[in-house]
Structures are given as structure tokens and as C-alpha cells.
């Protein structure tokens, strides 16, 4: 599972880390290219707020647990541009 997430405030970061540390699986935060940090680490979650985009990766489906942080991509209405 890989989803784009937002961690805007220290409260968001703290809540996210509390959720992920309670899980029995590896959770990784990545910028989608080169950087990967432990998603169960407060320091790692703080570090990734400097990235343009943050993705959460996990081998298990944890979507329901982190749904509050998931960025829903809205489709672009091409009619506006034509």
C-alpha cells in the first residue's frame, strides 16, 4: 500500500506516529524518489515535513488507520481548459 499523506502540524505528526507505533508492521515515509524514513519515528516524521510530497508505504493495508492524513487526489476537469 502506498498513499500520499499530509503532516502539517506537530499535532498531526504526533498523532500519526502514535497510530503507526501501535501497528505490528513496518511503516515507511518517503518522498517518492530517494528518501525513506521510519514512519514509526517521531524524528523521521518531523524530518519528512521538509519534502514537497510525503508518501506512506506499508506492506499491509493500514488505510483505515491513517485515513485522516491521506491526501485525496481530485481529478482535473479538462472542460475548464478546452
PDB file of N, CA and C in Angstrom:
ATOM      1  N   UNK A   1       0.831  -1.162   0.000  1.00  0.00           N
ATOM      2  CA  UNK A   1       0.000   0.000   0.000  1.00  0.00           C
ATOM      3  C   UNK A   1       0.887   1.241   0.000  1.00  0.00           C
ATOM      4  N   UNK A   2       0.581   2.196  -0.849  1.00  0.00           N
ATOM      5  CA  UNK A   2       1.307   3.460  -0.894  1.00  0.00           C
ATOM      6  C   UNK A   2       0.293   4.567  -1.123  1.00  0.00           C
ATOM      7  N   UNK A   3       0.248   5.538  -0.189  1.00  0.00           N
ATOM      8  CA  UNK A   3      -0.672   6.663  -0.310  1.00  0.00           C
ATOM      9  C   UNK A   3       0.061   7.960   0.009  1.00  0.00           C
ATOM     10  N   UNK A   4      -0.418   9.026  -0.594  1.00  0.00           N
ATOM     11  CA  UNK A   4       0.135  10.351  -0.306  1.00  0.00           C
ATOM     12  C   UNK A   4      -0.552  10.887   0.944  1.00  0.00           C
ATOM     13  N   UNK A   5       0.247  11.448   1.859  1.00  0.00           N
ATOM     14  CA  UNK A   5      -0.311  11.969   3.104  1.00  0.00           C
ATOM     15  C   UNK A   5       0.159  13.396   3.343  1.00  0.00           C
ATOM     16  N   UNK A   6      -0.487  14.042   4.323  1.00  0.00           N
ATOM     17  CA  UNK A   6      -0.086  15.374   4.769  1.00  0.00           C
ATOM     18  C   UNK A   6       0.166  15.329   6.259  1.00  0.00           C
ATOM     19  N   UNK A   7       1.255  15.934   6.667  1.00  0.00           N
ATOM     20  CA  UNK A   7       1.565  16.123   8.079  1.00  0.00           C
ATOM     21  C   UNK A   7       1.889  17.606   8.247  1.00  0.00           C
ATOM     22  N   UNK A   8       0.863  18.400   8.536  1.00  0.00           N
ATOM     23  CA  UNK A   8       1.015  19.856   8.537  1.00  0.00           C
ATOM     24  C   UNK A   8       1.460  20.444   9.874  1.00  0.00           C
ATOM     25  N   UNK A   9       1.005  19.866  10.967  1.00  0.00           N
ATOM     26  CA  UNK A   9       1.303  20.432  12.276  1.00  0.00           C
ATOM     27  C   UNK A   9       2.007  19.409  13.157  1.00  0.00           C
ATOM     28  N   UNK A  10       2.550  19.876  14.259  1.00  0.00           N
ATOM     29  CA  UNK A  10       3.181  18.958  15.206  1.00  0.00           C
ATOM     30  C   UNK A  10       2.137  18.008  15.787  1.00  0.00           C
ATOM     31  N   UNK A  11       0.916  18.476  15.929  1.00  0.00           N
ATOM     32  CA  UNK A  11      -0.169  17.614  16.390  1.00  0.00           C
ATOM     33  C   UNK A  11      -0.439  16.482  15.411  1.00  0.00           C
ATOM     34  N   UNK A  12      -0.418  16.799  14.111  1.00  0.00           N
ATOM     35  CA  UNK A  12      -0.588  15.770  13.076  1.00  0.00           C
ATOM     36  C   UNK A  12       0.522  14.726  13.169  1.00  0.00           C
ATOM     37  N   UNK A  13       1.744  15.211  13.312  1.00  0.00           N
ATOM     38  CA  UNK A  13       2.900  14.312  13.371  1.00  0.00           C
ATOM     39  C   UNK A  13       2.795  13.392  14.583  1.00  0.00           C
ATOM     40  N   UNK A  14       2.482  13.967  15.736  1.00  0.00           N
ATOM     41  CA  UNK A  14       2.373  13.185  16.968  1.00  0.00           C
ATOM     42  C   UNK A  14       1.283  12.127  16.857  1.00  0.00           C
ATOM     43  N   UNK A  15       0.128  12.508  16.339  1.00  0.00           N
ATOM     44  CA  UNK A  15      -0.992  11.573  16.189  1.00  0.00           C
ATOM     45  C   UNK A  15      -0.632  10.454  15.203  1.00  0.00           C
ATOM     46  N   UNK A  16      -0.009  10.815  14.071  1.00  0.00           N
ATOM     47  CA  UNK A  16       0.389   9.835  13.071  1.00  0.00           C
ATOM     48  C   UNK A  16       1.357   8.813  13.666  1.00  0.00           C
ATOM     49  N   UNK A  17       2.355   9.287  14.396  1.00  0.00           N
ATOM     50  CA  UNK A  17       3.347   8.391  14.996  1.00  0.00           C
ATOM     51  C   UNK A  17       2.704   7.510  16.069  1.00  0.00           C
ATOM     52  N   UNK A  18       1.758   8.046  16.837  1.00  0.00           N
ATOM     53  CA  UNK A  18       1.042   7.229  17.823  1.00  0.00           C
ATOM     54  C   UNK A  18       0.301   6.088  17.140  1.00  0.00           C
ATOM     55  N   UNK A  19      -0.331   6.379  16.025  1.00  0.00           N
ATOM     56  CA  UNK A  19      -1.071   5.356  15.278  1.00  0.00           C
ATOM     57  C   UNK A  19      -0.125   4.306  14.721  1.00  0.00           C
ATOM     58  N   UNK A  20       0.955   4.748  14.087  1.00  0.00           N
ATOM     59  CA  UNK A  20       1.858   3.794  13.432  1.00  0.00           C
ATOM     60  C   UNK A  20       2.658   2.951  14.421  1.00  0.00           C
ATOM     61  N   UNK A  21       2.983   3.489  15.582  1.00  0.00           N
ATOM     62  CA  UNK A  21       3.729   2.689  16.558  1.00  0.00           C
ATOM     63  C   UNK A  21       2.863   1.593  17.161  1.00  0.00           C
ATOM     64  N   UNK A  22       1.551   1.759  17.113  1.00  0.00           N
ATOM     65  CA  UNK A  22       0.643   0.736  17.635  1.00  0.00           C
ATOM     66  C   UNK A  22       0.443  -0.413  16.644  1.00  0.00           C
ATOM     67  N   UNK A  23       0.895  -0.238  15.409  1.00  0.00           N
ATOM     68  CA  UNK A  23       0.735  -1.263  14.376  1.00  0.00           C
ATOM     69  C   UNK A  23       1.861  -2.295  14.450  1.00  0.00           C
ATOM     70  N   UNK A  24       1.562  -3.498  14.032  1.00  0.00           N
ATOM     71  CA  UNK A  24       2.551  -4.576  14.040  1.00  0.00           C
ATOM     72  C   UNK A  24       3.076  -4.808  12.616  1.00  0.00           C
ATOM     73  N   UNK A  25       3.615  -3.731  12.007  1.00  0.00           N
ATOM     74  CA  UNK A  25       4.163  -3.822  10.654  1.00  0.00           C
ATOM     75  C   UNK A  25       5.126  -2.658  10.440  1.00  0.00           C
ATOM     76  N   UNK A  26       5.929  -2.769   9.415  1.00  0.00           N
ATOM     77  CA  UNK A  26       6.846  -1.685   9.061  1.00  0.00           C
ATOM     78  C   UNK A  26       6.083  -0.601   8.312  1.00  0.00           C
ATOM     79  N   UNK A  27       6.295   0.638   8.715  1.00  0.00           N
ATOM     80  CA  UNK A  27       5.685   1.791   8.050  1.00  0.00           C
ATOM     81  C   UNK A  27       6.832   2.699   7.629  1.00  0.00           C
ATOM     82  N   UNK A  28       6.827   3.085   6.364  1.00  0.00           N
ATOM     83  CA  UNK A  28       7.878   3.931   5.826  1.00  0.00           C
ATOM     84  C   UNK A  28       7.281   5.219   5.267  1.00  0.00           C
ATOM     85  N   UNK A  29       7.986   6.311   5.469  1.00  0.00           N
ATOM     86  CA  UNK A  29       7.622   7.580   4.854  1.00  0.00           C
ATOM     87  C   UNK A  29       8.677   7.872   3.799  1.00  0.00           C
ATOM     88  N   UNK A  30       8.230   8.256   2.623  1.00  0.00           N
ATOM     89  CA  UNK A  30       9.144   8.506   1.516  1.00  0.00           C
ATOM     90  C   UNK A  30       8.700   9.736   0.738  1.00  0.00           C
ATOM     91  N   UNK A  31       9.642  10.322   0.032  1.00  0.00           N
ATOM     92  CA  UNK A  31       9.290  11.439  -0.842  1.00  0.00           C
ATOM     93  C   UNK A  31       8.913  10.937  -2.241  1.00  0.00           C
ATOM     94  N   UNK A  32       8.896   9.630  -2.399  1.00  0.00           N
ATOM     95  CA  UNK A  32       8.531   9.031  -3.675  1.00  0.00           C
ATOM     96  C   UNK A  32       9.710   8.787  -4.593  1.00  0.00           C
ATOM     97  N   UNK A  33      10.888   9.251  -4.209  1.00  0.00           N
ATOM     98  CA  UNK A  33      12.062   9.098  -5.066  1.00  0.00           C
ATOM     99  C   UNK A  33      13.243   8.521  -4.300  1.00  0.00           C
ATOM    100  N   UNK A  34      13.915   9.357  -3.524  1.00  0.00           N
ATOM    101  CA  UNK A  34      15.201   8.973  -2.960  1.00  0.00           C
ATOM    102  C   UNK A  34      15.211   8.730  -1.451  1.00  0.00           C
ATOM    103  N   UNK A  35      14.382   9.444  -0.713  1.00  0.00           N
ATOM    104  CA  UNK A  35      14.467   9.416   0.735  1.00  0.00           C
ATOM    105  C   UNK A  35      13.407   8.515   1.349  1.00  0.00           C
ATOM    106  N   UNK A  36      13.818   7.757   2.365  1.00  0.00           N
ATOM    107  CA  UNK A  36      12.909   6.891   3.114  1.00  0.00           C
ATOM    108  C   UNK A  36      13.271   7.014   4.588  1.00  0.00           C
ATOM    109  N   UNK A  37      12.261   7.254   5.440  1.00  0.00           N
ATOM    110  CA  UNK A  37      12.468   7.283   6.881  1.00  0.00           C
ATOM    111  C   UNK A  37      11.451   6.358   7.538  1.00  0.00           C
ATOM    112  N   UNK A  38      11.728   6.004   8.774  1.00  0.00           N
ATOM    113  CA  UNK A  38      10.839   5.146   9.535  1.00  0.00           C
ATOM    114  C   UNK A  38       9.566   5.921   9.889  1.00  0.00           C
ATOM    115  N   UNK A  39       8.422   5.405   9.496  1.00  0.00           N
ATOM    116  CA  UNK A  39       7.147   6.048   9.776  1.00  0.00           C
ATOM    117  C   UNK A  39       6.689   5.898  11.204  1.00  0.00           C
ATOM    118  N   UNK A  40       7.427   5.140  11.986  1.00  0.00           N
ATOM    119  CA  UNK A  40       7.105   4.966  13.397  1.00  0.00           C
ATOM    120  C   UNK A  40       8.009   5.827  14.275  1.00  0.00           C
ATOM    121  N   UNK A  41       8.796   6.689  13.649  1.00  0.00           N
ATOM    122  CA  UNK A  41       9.754   7.538  14.351  1.00  0.00           C
ATOM    123  C   UNK A  41       9.287   8.992  14.346  1.00  0.00           C
ATOM    124  N   UNK A  42       9.226   9.593  15.522  1.00  0.00           N
ATOM    125  CA  UNK A  42       8.844  10.997  15.620  1.00  0.00           C
ATOM    126  C   UNK A  42       9.847  11.876  14.885  1.00  0.00           C
ATOM    127  N   UNK A  43      11.108  11.602  15.052  1.00  0.00           N
ATOM    128  CA  UNK A  43      12.142  12.380  14.381  1.00  0.00           C
ATOM    129  C   UNK A  43      12.066  12.220  12.861  1.00  0.00           C
ATOM    130  N   UNK A  44      11.806  10.996  12.392  1.00  0.00           N
ATOM    131  CA  UNK A  44      11.659  10.758  10.957  1.00  0.00           C
ATOM    132  C   UNK A  44      10.474  11.500  10.378  1.00  0.00           C
ATOM    133  N   UNK A  45       9.348  11.496  11.102  1.00  0.00           N
ATOM    134  CA  UNK A  45       8.145  12.186  10.630  1.00  0.00           C
ATOM    135  C   UNK A  45       8.354  13.694  10.594  1.00  0.00           C
ATOM    136  N   UNK A  46       9.067  14.228  11.569  1.00  0.00           N
ATOM    137  CA  UNK A  46       9.374  15.664  11.566  1.00  0.00           C
ATOM    138  C   UNK A  46      10.263  16.003  10.367  1.00  0.00           C
ATOM    139  N   UNK A  47      11.252  15.176  10.121  1.00  0.00           N
ATOM    140  CA  UNK A  47      12.185  15.409   9.008  1.00  0.00           C
ATOM    141  C   UNK A  47      11.457  15.462   7.660  1.00  0.00           C
ATOM    142  N   UNK A  48      10.511  14.574   7.466  1.00  0.00           N
ATOM    143  CA  UNK A  48       9.872  14.489   6.148  1.00  0.00           C
ATOM    144  C   UNK A  48       8.949  15.668   5.851  1.00  0.00           C
ATOM    145  N   UNK A  49       8.656  16.506   6.828  1.00  0.00           N
ATOM    146  CA  UNK A  49       7.812  17.675   6.555  1.00  0.00           C
ATOM    147  C   UNK A  49       8.518  18.687   5.657  1.00  0.00           C
ATOM    148  N   UNK A  50       9.815  18.523   5.441  1.00  0.00           N
ATOM    149  CA  UNK A  50      10.564  19.402   4.540  1.00  0.00           C
ATOM    150  C   UNK A  50      10.399  18.998   3.073  1.00  0.00           C
ATOM    151  N   UNK A  51       9.841  17.825   2.831  1.00  0.00           N
ATOM    152  CA  UNK A  51       9.689  17.334   1.471  1.00  0.00           C
ATOM    153  C   UNK A  51       8.483  17.972   0.798  1.00  0.00           C
ATOM    154  N   UNK A  52       8.506  18.020  -0.510  1.00  0.00           N
ATOM    155  CA  UNK A  52       7.386  18.559  -1.278  1.00  0.00           C
ATOM    156  C   UNK A  52       6.162  17.656  -1.155  1.00  0.00           C
ATOM    157  N   UNK A  53       6.374  16.346  -1.235  1.00  0.00           N
ATOM    158  CA  UNK A  53       5.296  15.368  -1.086  1.00  0.00           C
ATOM    159  C   UNK A  53       5.744  14.283  -0.117  1.00  0.00           C
ATOM    160  N   UNK A  54       4.792  13.768   0.655  1.00  0.00           N
ATOM    161  CA  UNK A  54       5.083  12.684   1.595  1.00  0.00           C
ATOM    162  C   UNK A  54       4.183  11.507   1.244  1.00  0.00           C
ATOM    163  N   UNK A  55       4.785  10.334   1.098  1.00  0.00           N
ATOM    164  CA  UNK A  55       4.038   9.114   0.847  1.00  0.00           C
ATOM    165  C   UNK A  55       4.251   8.156   2.012  1.00  0.00           C
ATOM    166  N   UNK A  56       3.200   7.460   2.389  1.00  0.00           N
ATOM    167  CA  UNK A  56       3.290   6.429   3.416  1.00  0.00           C
ATOM    168  C   UNK A  56       3.230   5.081   2.712  1.00  0.00           C
ATOM    169  N   UNK A  57       4.204   4.228   2.998  1.00  0.00           N
ATOM    170  CA  UNK A  57       4.265   2.890   2.410  1.00  0.00           C
ATOM    171  C   UNK A  57       4.204   1.850   3.509  1.00  0.00           C
ATOM    172  N   UNK A  58       3.470   0.784   3.253  1.00  0.00           N
ATOM    173  CA  UNK A  58       3.369  -0.309   4.208  1.00  0.00           C
ATOM    174  C   UNK A  58       2.997  -1.576   3.437  1.00  0.00           C
ATOM    175  N   UNK A  59       3.495  -2.710   3.899  1.00  0.00           N
ATOM    176  CA  UNK A  59       3.178  -3.983   3.248  1.00  0.00           C
ATOM    177  C   UNK A  59       1.752  -4.438   3.552  1.00  0.00           C
ATOM    178  N   UNK A  60       1.158  -3.884   4.610  1.00  0.00           N
ATOM    179  CA  UNK A  60      -0.218  -4.217   4.967  1.00  0.00           C
ATOM    180  C   UNK A  60      -1.122  -3.038   4.625  1.00  0.00           C
ATOM    181  N   UNK A  61      -2.421  -3.294   4.578  1.00  0.00           N
ATOM    182  CA  UNK A  61      -3.385  -2.237   4.301  1.00  0.00           C
ATOM    183  C   UNK A  61      -3.725  -1.523   5.612  1.00  0.00           C
ATOM    184  N   UNK A  62      -3.153  -0.335   5.803  1.00  0.00           N
ATOM    185  CA  UNK A  62      -3.410   0.441   7.011  1.00  0.00           C
ATOM    186  C   UNK A  62      -4.205   1.707   6.692  1.00  0.00           C
ATOM    187  N   UNK A  63      -4.817   1.750   5.531  1.00  0.00           N
ATOM    188  CA  UNK A  63      -5.535   2.944   5.074  1.00  0.00           C
ATOM    189  C   UNK A  63      -6.553   3.428   6.099  1.00  0.00           C
ATOM    190  N   UNK A  64      -7.330   2.509   6.659  1.00  0.00           N
ATOM    191  CA  UNK A  64      -8.381   2.906   7.597  1.00  0.00           C
ATOM    192  C   UNK A  64      -7.800   3.559   8.848  1.00  0.00           C
ATOM    193  N   UNK A  65      -6.596   3.193   9.208  1.00  0.00           N
ATOM    194  CA  UNK A  65      -5.951   3.756  10.403  1.00  0.00           C
ATOM    195  C   UNK A  65      -5.416   5.171  10.153  1.00  0.00           C
ATOM    196  N   UNK A  66      -4.924   5.425   8.937  1.00  0.00           N
ATOM    197  CA  UNK A  66      -4.291   6.716   8.636  1.00  0.00           C
ATOM    198  C   UNK A  66      -5.126   7.576   7.688  1.00  0.00           C
ATOM    199  N   UNK A  67      -6.383   7.242   7.514  1.00  0.00           N
ATOM    200  CA  UNK A  67      -7.243   7.939   6.549  1.00  0.00           C
ATOM    201  C   UNK A  67      -7.314   9.446   6.788  1.00  0.00           C
ATOM    202  N   UNK A  68      -7.195   9.886   8.030  1.00  0.00           N
ATOM    203  CA  UNK A  68      -7.263  11.316   8.335  1.00  0.00           C
ATOM    204  C   UNK A  68      -6.100  12.095   7.729  1.00  0.00           C
ATOM    205  N   UNK A  69      -5.024  11.416   7.396  1.00  0.00           N
ATOM    206  CA  UNK A  69      -3.830  12.080   6.860  1.00  0.00           C
ATOM    207  C   UNK A  69      -3.683  11.916   5.348  1.00  0.00           C
ATOM    208  N   UNK A  70      -4.521  11.105   4.737  1.00  0.00           N
ATOM    209  CA  UNK A  70      -4.418  10.806   3.307  1.00  0.00           C
ATOM    210  C   UNK A  70      -4.892  11.998   2.487  1.00  0.00           C
ATOM    211  N   UNK A  71      -4.122  12.321   1.457  1.00  0.00           N
ATOM    212  CA  UNK A  71      -4.483  13.379   0.519  1.00  0.00           C
ATOM    213  C   UNK A  71      -5.277  12.737  -0.600  1.00  0.00           C
ATOM    214  N   UNK A  72      -6.508  13.142  -0.741  1.00  0.00           N
ATOM    215  CA  UNK A  72      -7.354  12.626  -1.813  1.00  0.00           C
ATOM    216  C   UNK A  72      -7.090  13.439  -3.070  1.00  0.00           C
ATOM    217  N   UNK A  73      -6.639  12.780  -4.086  1.00  0.00           N
ATOM    218  CA  UNK A  73      -6.384  13.446  -5.373  1.00  0.00           C
ATOM    219  C   UNK A  73      -7.704  13.645  -6.082  1.00  0.00           C
ATOM    220  N   UNK A  74      -7.997  14.884  -6.427  1.00  0.00           N
ATOM    221  CA  UNK A  74      -9.229  15.166  -7.148  1.00  0.00           C
ATOM    222  C   UNK A  74      -8.917  15.224  -8.638  1.00  0.00           C
ATOM    223  N   UNK A  75      -9.734  14.561  -9.453  1.00  0.00           N
ATOM    224  CA  UNK A  75      -9.479  14.597 -10.888  1.00  0.00           C
ATOM    225  C   UNK A  75      -9.678  16.007 -11.451  1.00  0.00           C
ATOM    226  N   UNK A  76      -8.869  16.359 -12.404  1.00  0.00           N
ATOM    227  CA  UNK A  76      -8.955  17.680 -13.033  1.00  0.00           C
ATOM    228  C   UNK A  76     -10.065  17.652 -14.077  1.00  0.00           C
ATOM    229  N   UNK A  77     -10.913  18.678 -14.059  1.00  0.00           N
ATOM    230  CA  UNK A  77     -11.975  18.797 -15.050  1.00  0.00           C
ATOM    231  C   UNK A  77     -11.373  19.459 -16.279  1.00  0.00           C
ATOM    232  N   UNK A  78     -11.105  18.663 -17.314  1.00  0.00           N
ATOM    233  CA  UNK A  78     -10.465  19.196 -18.518  1.00  0.00           C
ATOM    234  C   UNK A  78     -11.356  20.158 -19.282  1.00  0.00           C
ATOM    235  N   UNK A  79     -12.658  20.111 -19.039  1.00  0.00           N
ATOM    236  CA  UNK A  79     -13.574  21.026 -19.708  1.00  0.00           C
ATOM    237  C   UNK A  79     -13.266  22.485 -19.429  1.00  0.00           C
ATOM    238  N   UNK A  80     -12.679  22.758 -18.288  1.00  0.00           N
ATOM    239  CA  UNK A  80     -12.334  24.130 -17.926  1.00  0.00           C
ATOM    240  C   UNK A  80     -11.261  24.699 -18.845  1.00  0.00           C
ATOM    241  N   UNK A  81     -10.408  23.826 -19.358  1.00  0.00           N
ATOM    242  CA  UNK A  81      -9.265  24.273 -20.134  1.00  0.00           C
ATOM    243  C   UNK A  81      -9.485  24.203 -21.641  1.00  0.00           C
ATOM    244  N   UNK A  82     -10.567  23.627 -22.068  1.00  0.00           N
ATOM    245  CA  UNK A  82     -10.813  23.480 -23.509  1.00  0.00           C
ATOM    246  C   UNK A  82     -11.637  24.605 -24.056  1.00  0.00           C
TER     247      UNK A  82
END
